[in-house]
Amino acid sequence: MHIIEFLRQELPRVLSRERYHHTLGVLSVAVSLGERFALDLPSLELAALAHDLDRERSPTELLALAGEWMIPVTAREVSAPVLLHGPVAAERLRREHHLSDEAVLQAVRHHTLGHPCFAEPRHRVGQALFVADFCEPGRPGLDAELQKRILALTDLSAMVREVIAATREIFGALEEPTEQLYARLE
């Protein structure tokens, strides 16, 4: 069975209804972006479906899987293990589904905070997933006008920068990889 079909069958079973609907919303936005910017749609579909595969695992489970799979863990991730859901999901795709597409793996791994590698042309799937996750219409607290403004931009990198700027406005100081991505897209 192809991994996309597997995820389409598995996600409704393993995710809460709310998380599954979020995933479908991210998929819809991501595919729309992929069509607009001529991205690899199967890769984008896979990344969007898999991005929150491990989001509902407990902090203990995420830390245990990171340790078992030798995923490097930062001090920030120790204090907020939910940040590990992307790296754990990416490693699960690599180990359990033998996925070797680095663009998809990096997109899933870094979809929460972004990463400087997203500034590289080969990581535009990561950019699209980053934007889609932020702009998903069902996201609680998302200002509809902000979402429209971001999605109306005509450049994917500009969308990423706008997501980062909006996130900075909401949360203040951002994590180092996010700031590095912002700087690389200037």
N, C-alpha and C. Protein backbone atom coordinates (compact mmCIF):
# COMPACT_ATOMS: atom_id res chain seq x y z
N MET A 1 0.85 -1.19 0.00
CA MET A 1 0.00 0.00 0.00
C MET A 1 0.89 1.25 0.00
N HIS A 2 0.57 2.20 -0.84
CA HIS A 2 1.31 3.46 -0.91
C HIS A 2 1.12 4.23 0.39
N ILE A 3 2.14 4.94 0.80
CA ILE A 3 2.11 5.63 2.10
C ILE A 3 0.98 6.66 2.20
N ILE A 4 0.67 7.34 1.12
CA ILE A 4 -0.43 8.32 1.16
C ILE A 4 -1.75 7.61 1.44
N GLU A 5 -1.98 6.50 0.78
CA GLU A 5 -3.21 5.74 1.02
C GLU A 5 -3.24 5.20 2.45
N PHE A 6 -2.08 4.73 2.92
CA PHE A 6 -2.00 4.25 4.30
C PHE A 6 -2.39 5.37 5.27
N LEU A 7 -1.83 6.57 5.08
CA LEU A 7 -2.13 7.68 5.97
C LEU A 7 -3.61 8.07 5.88
N ARG A 8 -4.17 8.06 4.70
CA ARG A 8 -5.59 8.41 4.55
C ARG A 8 -6.48 7.44 5.33
N GLN A 9 -6.06 6.18 5.42
CA GLN A 9 -6.82 5.19 6.19
C GLN A 9 -6.50 5.25 7.68
N GLU A 10 -5.24 5.51 8.01
CA GLU A 10 -4.77 5.45 9.39
C GLU A 10 -5.12 6.70 10.20
N LEU A 11 -5.01 7.86 9.61
CA LEU A 11 -5.18 9.10 10.38
C LEU A 11 -6.53 9.22 11.08
N PRO A 12 -7.64 8.89 10.43
CA PRO A 12 -8.91 9.00 11.16
C PRO A 12 -8.97 8.07 12.38
N ARG A 13 -8.18 7.02 12.35
CA ARG A 13 -8.16 6.06 13.45
C ARG A 13 -7.27 6.51 14.60
N VAL A 14 -6.14 7.16 14.28
CA VAL A 14 -5.15 7.47 15.32
C VAL A 14 -5.21 8.91 15.82
N LEU A 15 -5.86 9.80 15.08
CA LEU A 15 -5.95 11.19 15.50
C LEU A 15 -7.34 11.49 16.05
N SER A 16 -7.40 12.46 16.94
CA SER A 16 -8.70 12.93 17.39
C SER A 16 -9.43 13.56 16.20
N ARG A 17 -10.72 13.70 16.33
CA ARG A 17 -11.51 14.30 15.25
C ARG A 17 -11.01 15.70 14.91
N GLU A 18 -10.71 16.48 15.95
CA GLU A 18 -10.24 17.86 15.74
C GLU A 18 -8.90 17.88 15.00
N ARG A 19 -7.97 17.01 15.42
CA ARG A 19 -6.65 16.97 14.79
C ARG A 19 -6.77 16.48 13.35
N TYR A 20 -7.63 15.51 13.11
CA TYR A 20 -7.82 15.00 11.76
C TYR A 20 -8.39 16.10 10.85
N HIS A 21 -9.36 16.85 11.35
CA HIS A 21 -9.94 17.94 10.55
C HIS A 21 -8.89 19.03 10.29
N HIS A 22 -8.05 19.30 11.29
CA HIS A 22 -6.94 20.25 11.08
C HIS A 22 -6.04 19.74 9.96
N THR A 23 -5.70 18.46 10.00
CA THR A 23 -4.83 17.87 8.98
C THR A 23 -5.44 18.01 7.59
N LEU A 24 -6.73 17.76 7.48
CA LEU A 24 -7.39 17.91 6.18
C LEU A 24 -7.41 19.37 5.74
N GLY A 25 -7.56 20.30 6.68
CA GLY A 25 -7.51 21.72 6.35
C GLY A 25 -6.13 22.13 5.86
N VAL A 26 -5.09 21.63 6.54
CA VAL A 26 -3.71 21.89 6.12
C VAL A 26 -3.49 21.32 4.72
N LEU A 27 -3.97 20.11 4.50
CA LEU A 27 -3.84 19.48 3.18
C LEU A 27 -4.49 20.35 2.10
N SER A 28 -5.67 20.85 2.36
CA SER A 28 -6.38 21.67 1.39
C SER A 28 -5.59 22.94 1.05
N VAL A 29 -5.11 23.64 2.07
CA VAL A 29 -4.33 24.86 1.84
C VAL A 29 -3.03 24.52 1.13
N ALA A 30 -2.37 23.44 1.56
CA ALA A 30 -1.09 23.05 0.96
C ALA A 30 -1.24 22.72 -0.52
N VAL A 31 -2.27 21.97 -0.86
CA VAL A 31 -2.49 21.62 -2.27
C VAL A 31 -2.79 22.87 -3.09
N SER A 32 -3.56 23.78 -2.53
CA SER A 32 -3.83 25.04 -3.22
C SER A 32 -2.53 25.80 -3.49
N LEU A 33 -1.67 25.86 -2.48
CA LEU A 33 -0.36 26.52 -2.65
C LEU A 33 0.48 25.77 -3.68
N GLY A 34 0.45 24.45 -3.60
CA GLY A 34 1.23 23.65 -4.54
C GLY A 34 0.82 23.88 -5.98
N GLU A 35 -0.48 24.00 -6.20
CA GLU A 35 -0.97 24.28 -7.55
C GLU A 35 -0.56 25.67 -8.01
N ARG A 36 -0.65 26.65 -7.12
CA ARG A 36 -0.28 28.03 -7.47
C ARG A 36 1.19 28.16 -7.80
N PHE A 37 2.04 27.45 -7.04
CA PHE A 37 3.48 27.64 -7.17
C PHE A 37 4.19 26.47 -7.85
N ALA A 38 3.42 25.60 -8.52
CA ALA A 38 3.96 24.48 -9.30
C ALA A 38 4.89 23.60 -8.48
N LEU A 39 4.42 23.19 -7.31
CA LEU A 39 5.20 22.31 -6.44
C LEU A 39 4.84 20.85 -6.73
N ASP A 40 5.66 19.95 -6.23
CA ASP A 40 5.41 18.52 -6.37
C ASP A 40 4.22 18.14 -5.49
N LEU A 41 3.06 17.96 -6.09
CA LEU A 41 1.83 17.73 -5.32
C LEU A 41 1.83 16.44 -4.52
N PRO A 42 2.32 15.31 -5.05
CA PRO A 42 2.35 14.11 -4.20
C PRO A 42 3.24 14.29 -2.96
N SER A 43 4.37 14.95 -3.12
CA SER A 43 5.24 15.21 -1.96
C SER A 43 4.56 16.12 -0.96
N LEU A 44 3.89 17.12 -1.47
CA LEU A 44 3.19 18.07 -0.60
C LEU A 44 2.02 17.39 0.11
N GLU A 45 1.30 16.54 -0.61
CA GLU A 45 0.19 15.80 0.01
C GLU A 45 0.70 14.90 1.13
N LEU A 46 1.79 14.21 0.87
CA LEU A 46 2.37 13.33 1.89
C LEU A 46 2.80 14.12 3.11
N ALA A 47 3.51 15.22 2.90
CA ALA A 47 3.97 16.05 4.03
C ALA A 47 2.79 16.59 4.83
N ALA A 48 1.76 17.06 4.14
CA ALA A 48 0.60 17.62 4.84
C ALA A 48 -0.14 16.55 5.64
N LEU A 49 -0.31 15.38 5.06
CA LEU A 49 -1.00 14.31 5.79
C LEU A 49 -0.20 13.85 7.00
N ALA A 50 1.12 13.82 6.88
CA ALA A 50 1.96 13.25 7.94
C ALA A 50 2.40 14.26 9.00
N HIS A 51 2.21 15.54 8.76
CA HIS A 51 2.86 16.54 9.62
C HIS A 51 2.49 16.43 11.09
N ASP A 52 1.27 16.06 11.41
CA ASP A 52 0.85 15.94 12.82
C ASP A 52 0.59 14.50 13.23
N LEU A 53 1.21 13.57 12.53
CA LEU A 53 1.03 12.15 12.81
C LEU A 53 1.27 11.82 14.29
N ASP A 54 2.25 12.47 14.90
CA ASP A 54 2.60 12.19 16.30
C ASP A 54 2.24 13.35 17.23
N ARG A 55 1.42 14.26 16.79
CA ARG A 55 1.09 15.46 17.58
C ARG A 55 0.36 15.15 18.87
N GLU A 56 -0.39 14.08 18.91
CA GLU A 56 -1.18 13.79 20.10
C GLU A 56 -0.51 12.79 21.04
N ARG A 57 0.74 12.49 20.79
CA ARG A 57 1.48 11.65 21.73
C ARG A 57 1.80 12.46 22.98
N SER A 58 1.93 11.78 24.08
CA SER A 58 2.23 12.46 25.34
C SER A 58 3.68 12.97 25.32
N PRO A 59 3.99 13.96 26.15
CA PRO A 59 5.38 14.43 26.26
C PRO A 59 6.34 13.28 26.57
N THR A 60 5.93 12.39 27.44
CA THR A 60 6.79 11.25 27.80
C THR A 60 7.05 10.37 26.59
N GLU A 61 6.01 10.09 25.81
CA GLU A 61 6.18 9.27 24.61
C GLU A 61 7.10 9.95 23.59
N LEU A 62 6.90 11.25 23.38
CA LEU A 62 7.73 11.97 22.41
C LEU A 62 9.20 11.94 22.82
N LEU A 63 9.46 12.20 24.09
CA LEU A 63 10.85 12.17 24.58
C LEU A 63 11.43 10.76 24.48
N ALA A 64 10.63 9.75 24.80
CA ALA A 64 11.11 8.37 24.73
C ALA A 64 11.43 7.97 23.29
N LEU A 65 10.55 8.32 22.35
CA LEU A 65 10.81 8.00 20.95
C LEU A 65 12.03 8.75 20.43
N ALA A 66 12.16 10.01 20.82
CA ALA A 66 13.35 10.78 20.41
C ALA A 66 14.61 10.10 20.91
N GLY A 67 14.59 9.64 22.15
CA GLY A 67 15.75 8.94 22.70
C GLY A 67 16.01 7.62 21.99
N GLU A 68 14.97 6.84 21.81
CA GLU A 68 15.10 5.53 21.15
C GLU A 68 15.62 5.68 19.73
N TRP A 69 15.14 6.70 19.02
CA TRP A 69 15.52 6.89 17.62
C TRP A 69 16.70 7.84 17.46
N MET A 70 17.31 8.22 18.56
CA MET A 70 18.50 9.09 18.56
C MET A 70 18.27 10.40 17.82
N ILE A 71 17.11 10.99 18.04
CA ILE A 71 16.80 12.30 17.50
C ILE A 71 17.40 13.33 18.45
N PRO A 72 18.24 14.23 17.95
CA PRO A 72 18.79 15.26 18.84
C PRO A 72 17.67 16.09 19.46
N VAL A 73 17.78 16.36 20.74
CA VAL A 73 16.76 17.10 21.48
C VAL A 73 17.39 18.34 22.10
N THR A 74 16.81 19.50 21.83
CA THR A 74 17.31 20.75 22.40
C THR A 74 16.72 20.95 23.80
N ALA A 75 17.30 21.88 24.53
CA ALA A 75 16.77 22.22 25.86
C ALA A 75 15.33 22.70 25.73
N ARG A 76 15.04 23.45 24.69
CA ARG A 76 13.67 23.94 24.48
C ARG A 76 12.69 22.79 24.27
N GLU A 77 13.14 21.76 23.54
CA GLU A 77 12.28 20.60 23.30
C GLU A 77 12.08 19.76 24.56
N VAL A 78 13.08 19.75 25.43
CA VAL A 78 12.92 19.06 26.71
C VAL A 78 11.85 19.77 27.53
N SER A 79 11.87 21.10 27.51
CA SER A 79 10.89 21.86 28.29
C SER A 79 9.51 21.91 27.61
N ALA A 80 9.48 21.72 26.30
CA ALA A 80 8.21 21.71 25.55
C ALA A 80 8.25 20.54 24.55
N PRO A 81 8.08 19.31 25.04
CA PRO A 81 8.23 18.13 24.17
C PRO A 81 7.29 18.10 22.97
N VAL A 82 6.20 18.85 23.00
CA VAL A 82 5.30 18.89 21.85
C VAL A 82 6.05 19.32 20.59
N LEU A 83 7.12 20.09 20.76
CA LEU A 83 7.92 20.51 19.61
C LEU A 83 8.59 19.33 18.91
N LEU A 84 8.64 18.19 19.56
CA LEU A 84 9.25 17.00 18.97
C LEU A 84 8.30 16.24 18.04
N HIS A 85 7.03 16.65 17.97
CA HIS A 85 6.11 15.85 17.16
C HIS A 85 6.49 15.82 15.69
N GLY A 86 7.07 16.90 15.17
CA GLY A 86 7.52 16.90 13.78
C GLY A 86 8.73 16.01 13.55
N PRO A 87 9.80 16.19 14.36
CA PRO A 87 10.95 15.29 14.21
C PRO A 87 10.60 13.81 14.40
N VAL A 88 9.73 13.51 15.36
CA VAL A 88 9.33 12.11 15.59
C VAL A 88 8.54 11.59 14.39
N ALA A 89 7.62 12.38 13.86
CA ALA A 89 6.84 11.95 12.70
C ALA A 89 7.75 11.72 11.49
N ALA A 90 8.72 12.61 11.28
CA ALA A 90 9.65 12.44 10.16
C ALA A 90 10.46 11.16 10.31
N GLU A 91 10.93 10.92 11.51
CA GLU A 91 11.72 9.70 11.74
C GLU A 91 10.84 8.45 11.60
N ARG A 92 9.58 8.54 12.01
CA ARG A 92 8.65 7.41 11.82
C ARG A 92 8.48 7.13 10.31
N LEU A 93 8.34 8.18 9.51
CA LEU A 93 8.21 8.00 8.07
C LEU A 93 9.45 7.31 7.50
N ARG A 94 10.61 7.73 7.98
CA ARG A 94 11.87 7.15 7.49
C ARG A 94 11.97 5.67 7.91
N ARG A 95 11.72 5.39 9.17
CA ARG A 95 11.91 4.04 9.71
C ARG A 95 10.81 3.06 9.31
N GLU A 96 9.57 3.46 9.50
CA GLU A 96 8.46 2.53 9.32
C GLU A 96 7.94 2.47 7.90
N HIS A 97 8.17 3.53 7.13
CA HIS A 97 7.64 3.57 5.77
C HIS A 97 8.75 3.70 4.72
N HIS A 98 10.00 3.66 5.18
CA HIS A 98 11.18 3.68 4.31
C HIS A 98 11.20 4.89 3.38
N LEU A 99 10.70 6.00 3.87
CA LEU A 99 10.69 7.22 3.08
C LEU A 99 12.09 7.83 3.08
N SER A 100 12.57 8.17 1.90
CA SER A 100 13.91 8.76 1.80
C SER A 100 13.90 10.14 1.15
N ASP A 101 12.74 10.66 0.83
CA ASP A 101 12.62 11.98 0.20
C ASP A 101 12.92 13.05 1.25
N GLU A 102 14.12 13.63 1.17
CA GLU A 102 14.55 14.60 2.18
C GLU A 102 13.69 15.85 2.21
N ALA A 103 13.15 16.25 1.08
CA ALA A 103 12.29 17.45 1.07
C ALA A 103 11.04 17.20 1.92
N VAL A 104 10.45 16.02 1.79
CA VAL A 104 9.27 15.69 2.59
C VAL A 104 9.66 15.52 4.06
N LEU A 105 10.74 14.80 4.30
CA LEU A 105 11.17 14.56 5.69
C LEU A 105 11.49 15.88 6.40
N GLN A 106 12.18 16.78 5.73
CA GLN A 106 12.51 18.08 6.34
C GLN A 106 11.24 18.91 6.54
N ALA A 107 10.32 18.85 5.59
CA ALA A 107 9.07 19.59 5.73
C ALA A 107 8.32 19.14 6.98
N VAL A 108 8.19 17.84 7.16
CA VAL A 108 7.50 17.31 8.34
C VAL A 108 8.28 17.63 9.60
N ARG A 109 9.58 17.40 9.56
CA ARG A 109 10.44 17.62 10.74
C ARG A 109 10.35 19.05 11.25
N HIS A 110 10.33 20.02 10.34
CA HIS A 110 10.46 21.43 10.74
C HIS A 110 9.20 22.26 10.52
N HIS A 111 8.05 21.62 10.36
CA HIS A 111 6.84 22.38 10.02
C HIS A 111 6.39 23.33 11.12
N THR A 112 6.76 23.07 12.36
CA THR A 112 6.28 23.89 13.47
C THR A 112 7.02 25.21 13.57
N LEU A 113 8.35 25.15 13.56
CA LEU A 113 9.16 26.36 13.75
C LEU A 113 9.80 26.87 12.46
N GLY A 114 9.75 26.07 11.41
CA GLY A 114 10.50 26.43 10.22
C GLY A 114 11.96 26.09 10.43
N HIS A 115 12.75 26.25 9.39
CA HIS A 115 14.17 25.94 9.46
C HIS A 115 14.87 26.70 8.34
N PRO A 116 16.12 27.10 8.54
CA PRO A 116 16.83 27.83 7.49
C PRO A 116 16.87 27.08 6.15
N CYS A 117 16.83 25.75 6.18
CA CYS A 117 16.86 25.00 4.92
C CYS A 117 15.65 25.33 4.05
N PHE A 118 14.56 25.82 4.65
CA PHE A 118 13.37 26.15 3.86
C PHE A 118 13.63 27.32 2.90
N ALA A 119 14.72 28.03 3.07
CA ALA A 119 15.06 29.12 2.16
C ALA A 119 15.63 28.59 0.84
N GLU A 120 16.01 27.32 0.82
CA GLU A 120 16.58 26.71 -0.39
C GLU A 120 15.45 26.28 -1.33
N PRO A 121 15.64 26.47 -2.65
CA PRO A 121 14.59 26.11 -3.61
C PRO A 121 14.11 24.66 -3.49
N ARG A 122 14.98 23.74 -3.13
CA ARG A 122 14.57 22.33 -3.04
C ARG A 122 13.67 22.05 -1.85
N HIS A 123 13.48 23.04 -0.98
CA HIS A 123 12.64 22.85 0.21
C HIS A 123 11.37 23.70 0.16
N ARG A 124 10.87 23.96 -1.04
CA ARG A 124 9.64 24.74 -1.16
C ARG A 124 8.42 23.97 -0.63
N VAL A 125 8.49 22.65 -0.62
CA VAL A 125 7.42 21.86 0.00
C VAL A 125 7.36 22.22 1.49
N GLY A 126 8.52 22.39 2.12
CA GLY A 126 8.57 22.80 3.52
C GLY A 126 7.96 24.17 3.72
N GLN A 127 8.26 25.09 2.81
CA GLN A 127 7.67 26.43 2.90
C GLN A 127 6.15 26.35 2.83
N ALA A 128 5.66 25.59 1.86
CA ALA A 128 4.21 25.49 1.67
C ALA A 128 3.53 24.86 2.89
N LEU A 129 4.15 23.83 3.47
CA LEU A 129 3.57 23.20 4.65
C LEU A 129 3.57 24.15 5.84
N PHE A 130 4.65 24.89 6.01
CA PHE A 130 4.77 25.87 7.09
C PHE A 130 3.64 26.91 6.99
N VAL A 131 3.42 27.42 5.79
CA VAL A 131 2.35 28.41 5.57
C VAL A 131 0.97 27.76 5.76
N ALA A 132 0.78 26.58 5.19
CA ALA A 132 -0.52 25.91 5.28
C ALA A 132 -0.89 25.58 6.72
N ASP A 133 0.08 25.17 7.52
CA ASP A 133 -0.20 24.83 8.92
C ASP A 133 -0.64 26.08 9.68
N PHE A 134 -0.01 27.21 9.39
CA PHE A 134 -0.38 28.46 10.05
C PHE A 134 -1.74 28.97 9.57
N CYS A 135 -1.98 28.87 8.27
CA CYS A 135 -3.17 29.49 7.66
C CYS A 135 -4.36 28.55 7.54
N GLU A 136 -4.28 27.38 8.11
CA GLU A 136 -5.40 26.43 8.05
C GLU A 136 -6.64 27.11 8.60
N PRO A 137 -7.74 27.13 7.83
CA PRO A 137 -8.92 27.91 8.21
C PRO A 137 -9.53 27.57 9.57
N GLY A 138 -9.39 26.35 10.03
CA GLY A 138 -9.98 25.98 11.31
C GLY A 138 -9.11 26.25 12.51
N ARG A 139 -7.92 26.83 12.28
CA ARG A 139 -6.99 27.06 13.39
C ARG A 139 -7.61 28.05 14.37
N PRO A 140 -7.72 27.65 15.65
CA PRO A 140 -8.29 28.55 16.66
C PRO A 140 -7.45 29.83 16.80
N GLY A 141 -8.14 30.94 16.88
CA GLY A 141 -7.46 32.21 17.11
C GLY A 141 -6.84 32.84 15.88
N LEU A 142 -6.95 32.19 14.73
CA LEU A 142 -6.37 32.76 13.51
C LEU A 142 -7.27 33.87 13.00
N ASP A 143 -6.70 35.04 12.85
CA ASP A 143 -7.42 36.19 12.32
C ASP A 143 -7.67 35.95 10.82
N ALA A 144 -8.92 35.96 10.43
CA ALA A 144 -9.29 35.68 9.03
C ALA A 144 -8.66 36.68 8.07
N GLU A 145 -8.56 37.94 8.49
CA GLU A 145 -7.95 38.96 7.63
C GLU A 145 -6.46 38.69 7.44
N LEU A 146 -5.79 38.27 8.52
CA LEU A 146 -4.37 37.92 8.42
C LEU A 146 -4.20 36.74 7.47
N GLN A 147 -5.02 35.74 7.62
CA GLN A 147 -4.95 34.58 6.74
C GLN A 147 -5.12 35.00 5.28
N LYS A 148 -6.12 35.81 5.00
CA LYS A 148 -6.37 36.27 3.62
C LYS A 148 -5.18 37.07 3.10
N ARG A 149 -4.62 37.95 3.95
CA ARG A 149 -3.49 38.77 3.53
C ARG A 149 -2.29 37.89 3.17
N ILE A 150 -2.01 36.89 4.01
CA ILE A 150 -0.87 36.01 3.74
C ILE A 150 -1.11 35.22 2.45
N LEU A 151 -2.27 34.61 2.33
CA LEU A 151 -2.54 33.77 1.16
C LEU A 151 -2.71 34.56 -0.12
N ALA A 152 -2.92 35.87 -0.03
CA ALA A 152 -3.03 36.71 -1.23
C ALA A 152 -1.66 37.09 -1.79
N LEU A 153 -0.61 36.90 -1.02
CA LEU A 153 0.73 37.23 -1.52
C LEU A 153 1.05 36.37 -2.73
N THR A 154 1.88 36.89 -3.62
CA THR A 154 2.17 36.19 -4.87
C THR A 154 3.50 35.46 -4.86
N ASP A 155 4.17 35.45 -3.72
CA ASP A 155 5.47 34.79 -3.60
C ASP A 155 5.45 33.92 -2.34
N LEU A 156 5.81 32.65 -2.49
CA LEU A 156 5.77 31.72 -1.36
C LEU A 156 6.73 32.13 -0.25
N SER A 157 7.92 32.59 -0.60
CA SER A 157 8.87 33.04 0.42
C SER A 157 8.33 34.25 1.19
N ALA A 158 7.64 35.13 0.49
CA ALA A 158 7.02 36.28 1.17
C ALA A 158 5.94 35.80 2.14
N MET A 159 5.22 34.76 1.77
CA MET A 159 4.23 34.18 2.68
C MET A 159 4.89 33.66 3.95
N VAL A 160 6.01 32.95 3.78
CA VAL A 160 6.73 32.42 4.94
C VAL A 160 7.17 33.56 5.85
N ARG A 161 7.72 34.60 5.25
CA ARG A 161 8.16 35.76 6.05
C ARG A 161 6.98 36.38 6.80
N GLU A 162 5.84 36.48 6.15
CA GLU A 162 4.66 37.07 6.79
C GLU A 162 4.16 36.19 7.93
N VAL A 163 4.21 34.87 7.75
CA VAL A 163 3.84 33.95 8.85
C VAL A 163 4.78 34.15 10.03
N ILE A 164 6.07 34.25 9.75
CA ILE A 164 7.04 34.45 10.84
C ILE A 164 6.80 35.79 11.52
N ALA A 165 6.57 36.83 10.74
CA ALA A 165 6.32 38.16 11.33
C ALA A 165 5.07 38.13 12.20
N ALA A 166 4.02 37.47 11.73
CA ALA A 166 2.78 37.37 12.52
C ALA A 166 3.01 36.57 13.79
N THR A 167 3.78 35.51 13.68
CA THR A 167 4.09 34.68 14.85
C THR A 167 4.90 35.47 15.87
N ARG A 168 5.84 36.25 15.38
CA ARG A 168 6.66 37.09 16.26
C ARG A 168 5.77 38.10 16.98
N GLU A 169 4.81 38.66 16.26
CA GLU A 169 3.90 39.64 16.85
C GLU A 169 3.05 39.00 17.96
N ILE A 170 2.66 37.75 17.75
CA ILE A 170 1.84 37.04 18.74
C ILE A 170 2.66 36.59 19.94
N PHE A 171 3.83 36.00 19.69
CA PHE A 171 4.60 35.35 20.75
C PHE A 171 5.84 36.10 21.21
N GLY A 172 6.22 37.15 20.51
CA GLY A 172 7.45 37.85 20.86
C GLY A 172 8.64 37.14 20.24
N ALA A 173 9.69 36.98 21.03
CA ALA A 173 10.92 36.35 20.53
C ALA A 173 10.63 34.94 20.02
N LEU A 174 11.26 34.59 18.92
CA LEU A 174 11.06 33.28 18.31
C LEU A 174 12.30 32.42 18.47
N GLU A 175 12.16 31.16 18.16
CA GLU A 175 13.28 30.22 18.24
C GLU A 175 14.31 30.57 17.17
N GLU A 176 15.55 30.21 17.45
CA GLU A 176 16.67 30.51 16.56
C GLU A 176 16.45 30.04 15.11
N PRO A 177 16.01 28.78 14.88
CA PRO A 177 15.82 28.37 13.48
C PRO A 177 14.80 29.23 12.73
N THR A 178 13.78 29.68 13.43
CA THR A 178 12.75 30.52 12.81
C THR A 178 13.34 31.86 12.42
N GLU A 179 14.10 32.46 13.32
CA GLU A 179 14.75 33.75 13.03
C GLU A 179 15.76 33.60 11.89
N GLN A 180 16.48 32.49 11.87
CA GLN A 180 17.45 32.26 10.80
C GLN A 180 16.75 32.13 9.45
N LEU A 181 15.62 31.43 9.43
CA LEU A 181 14.85 31.31 8.19
C LEU A 181 14.41 32.69 7.72
N TYR A 182 13.88 33.49 8.63
CA TYR A 182 13.42 34.83 8.29
C TYR A 182 14.57 35.63 7.66
N ALA A 183 15.73 35.58 8.29
CA ALA A 183 16.90 36.33 7.78
C ALA A 183 17.32 35.83 6.40
N ARG A 184 17.28 34.54 6.18
CA ARG A 184 17.70 33.98 4.90
C ARG A 184 16.73 34.31 3.77
N LEU A 185 15.50 34.62 4.11
CA LEU A 185 14.51 34.96 3.08
C LEU A 185 14.47 36.44 2.76
N GLU A 186 15.27 37.25 3.46
CA GLU A 186 15.28 38.70 3.20
C GLU A 186 15.88 39.00 1.85
